[in-house]
Amino acid sequence: MLELLAQAETGGVLGPLSVHLVVFLLAILLGFEVISKVPATLHTPLMSGSNAISGITIVGALVIAGTVDTSWVKYIFGFLAMVFATVNVVGGFVVTDRMLGMFKRR
């Protein structure tokens, strides 16, 4: 398997785009399986961890979008990554705040 991936990166058996698509699809399936098995009591801590990861994504997107010598495609993808990660962080904080609000005394 590793030999196929190494050949694909150099343009051998599959091609770099095919390998990236396969890895992306496997990540989607694995992520869905992992998240669907999370009990409700662990949802809030998992959301906080997801917010931290999205914060790292925002920093990476800013670096990509802010690089002077990039093409417009990298700029667009960096900007979209920044927008989607920001929406994820803000939404995660809103959901976490609402869930923690259920435990406050009135």
Protein backbone atom coordinates (compact mmCIF):
# COMPACT_ATOMS: atom_id res chain seq x y z
CA MET A 1 0.00 0.00 0.00
CA LEU A 2 2.79 2.42 0.90
CA GLU A 3 4.53 1.60 -2.36
CA LEU A 4 1.37 2.51 -4.29
CA LEU A 5 1.14 5.83 -2.47
CA ALA A 6 4.81 6.54 -3.16
CA GLN A 7 4.35 5.72 -6.85
CA ALA A 8 1.22 7.87 -7.02
CA GLU A 9 3.03 10.91 -5.61
CA THR A 10 5.55 10.65 -8.42
CA GLY A 11 2.84 10.21 -11.06
CA GLY A 12 2.99 6.42 -11.19
CA VAL A 13 -0.01 4.15 -10.74
CA LEU A 14 -2.85 6.48 -9.79
CA GLY A 15 -1.80 10.09 -9.73
CA PRO A 16 -1.55 12.59 -6.91
CA LEU A 17 -5.12 13.88 -7.25
CA SER A 18 -6.57 10.37 -6.99
CA VAL A 19 -4.58 9.64 -3.85
CA HIS A 20 -5.70 12.89 -2.23
CA LEU A 21 -9.34 12.14 -3.08
CA VAL A 22 -9.09 8.63 -1.62
CA VAL A 23 -7.52 9.96 1.59
CA PHE A 24 -10.21 12.66 1.79
CA LEU A 25 -13.04 10.13 1.38
CA LEU A 26 -11.49 7.80 3.97
CA ALA A 27 -11.19 10.73 6.40
CA ILE A 28 -14.88 11.54 5.88
CA LEU A 29 -15.94 7.95 6.54
CA LEU A 30 -13.67 7.56 9.57
CA GLY A 31 -14.76 10.92 11.00
CA PHE A 32 -18.43 10.03 10.62
CA GLU A 33 -17.93 6.68 12.34
CA VAL A 34 -15.99 8.21 15.23
CA ILE A 35 -18.37 11.13 15.80
CA SER A 36 -21.51 8.97 15.57
CA LYS A 37 -20.23 6.80 18.44
CA VAL A 38 -19.71 9.73 20.85
CA PRO A 39 -22.11 9.69 23.83
CA ALA A 40 -24.04 12.86 24.69
CA THR A 41 -22.03 13.43 27.90
CA LEU A 42 -18.82 13.84 25.91
CA HIS A 43 -20.29 16.14 23.27
CA THR A 44 -19.37 19.45 24.96
CA PRO A 45 -15.69 18.56 25.59
CA LEU A 46 -15.45 17.23 22.04
CA MET A 47 -16.91 20.51 20.72
CA SER A 48 -14.28 22.46 22.64
CA GLY A 49 -11.53 20.35 21.11
CA SER A 50 -13.03 20.88 17.67
CA ASN A 51 -12.99 24.63 18.27
CA ALA A 52 -9.30 24.48 19.10
CA ILE A 53 -8.55 22.57 15.91
CA SER A 54 -10.58 25.06 13.88
CA GLY A 55 -8.60 27.87 15.48
CA ILE A 56 -5.43 26.24 14.17
CA THR A 57 -7.11 25.99 10.76
CA ILE A 58 -7.80 29.72 10.84
CA VAL A 59 -4.14 30.47 11.49
CA GLY A 60 -3.05 28.18 8.64
CA ALA A 61 -5.60 29.74 6.27
CA LEU A 62 -4.37 33.22 7.17
CA VAL A 63 -0.80 32.17 6.41
CA ILE A 64 -1.80 30.72 3.03
CA ALA A 65 -4.06 33.64 2.04
CA GLY A 66 -1.53 36.21 3.25
CA THR A 67 1.46 34.88 1.34
CA VAL A 68 2.48 37.37 -1.33
CA ASP A 69 3.70 34.96 -4.00
CA THR A 70 0.67 32.64 -4.08
CA SER A 71 -1.63 32.15 -7.03
CA TRP A 72 -5.23 33.28 -6.92
CA VAL A 73 -6.39 29.67 -6.46
CA LYS A 74 -4.44 29.36 -3.19
CA TYR A 75 -5.76 32.75 -2.12
CA ILE A 76 -9.38 31.70 -2.77
CA PHE A 77 -8.97 28.36 -0.99
CA GLY A 78 -7.20 30.04 1.93
CA PHE A 79 -9.99 32.57 2.20
CA LEU A 80 -12.70 29.88 2.04
CA ALA A 81 -10.90 27.80 4.66
CA MET A 82 -10.71 30.86 6.90
CA VAL A 83 -14.43 31.61 6.47
CA PHE A 84 -15.55 28.01 7.09
CA ALA A 85 -13.27 27.58 10.10
CA THR A 86 -14.49 30.88 11.58
CA VAL A 87 -18.12 29.80 11.13
CA ASN A 88 -17.25 26.50 12.82
CA VAL A 89 -15.55 28.20 15.78
CA VAL A 90 -18.35 30.72 16.33
CA GLY A 91 -21.05 28.06 15.95
CA GLY A 92 -19.19 25.75 18.31
CA PHE A 93 -18.94 28.41 20.98
CA VAL A 94 -22.65 29.24 20.61
CA VAL A 95 -23.65 25.58 20.95
CA THR A 96 -21.27 25.05 23.89
CA ASP A 97 -22.62 28.15 25.64
CA ARG A 98 -26.20 26.98 25.17
CA MET A 99 -25.39 23.51 26.48
CA LEU A 100 -23.57 24.89 29.52
CA GLY A 101 -26.47 27.29 30.08
CA MET A 102 -28.72 24.31 30.70
CA PHE A 103 -26.77 23.54 33.87
CA LYS A 104 -26.95 27.03 35.37
CA ARG A 105 -29.35 27.71 38.19
CA ARG A 106 -32.06 30.20 37.47
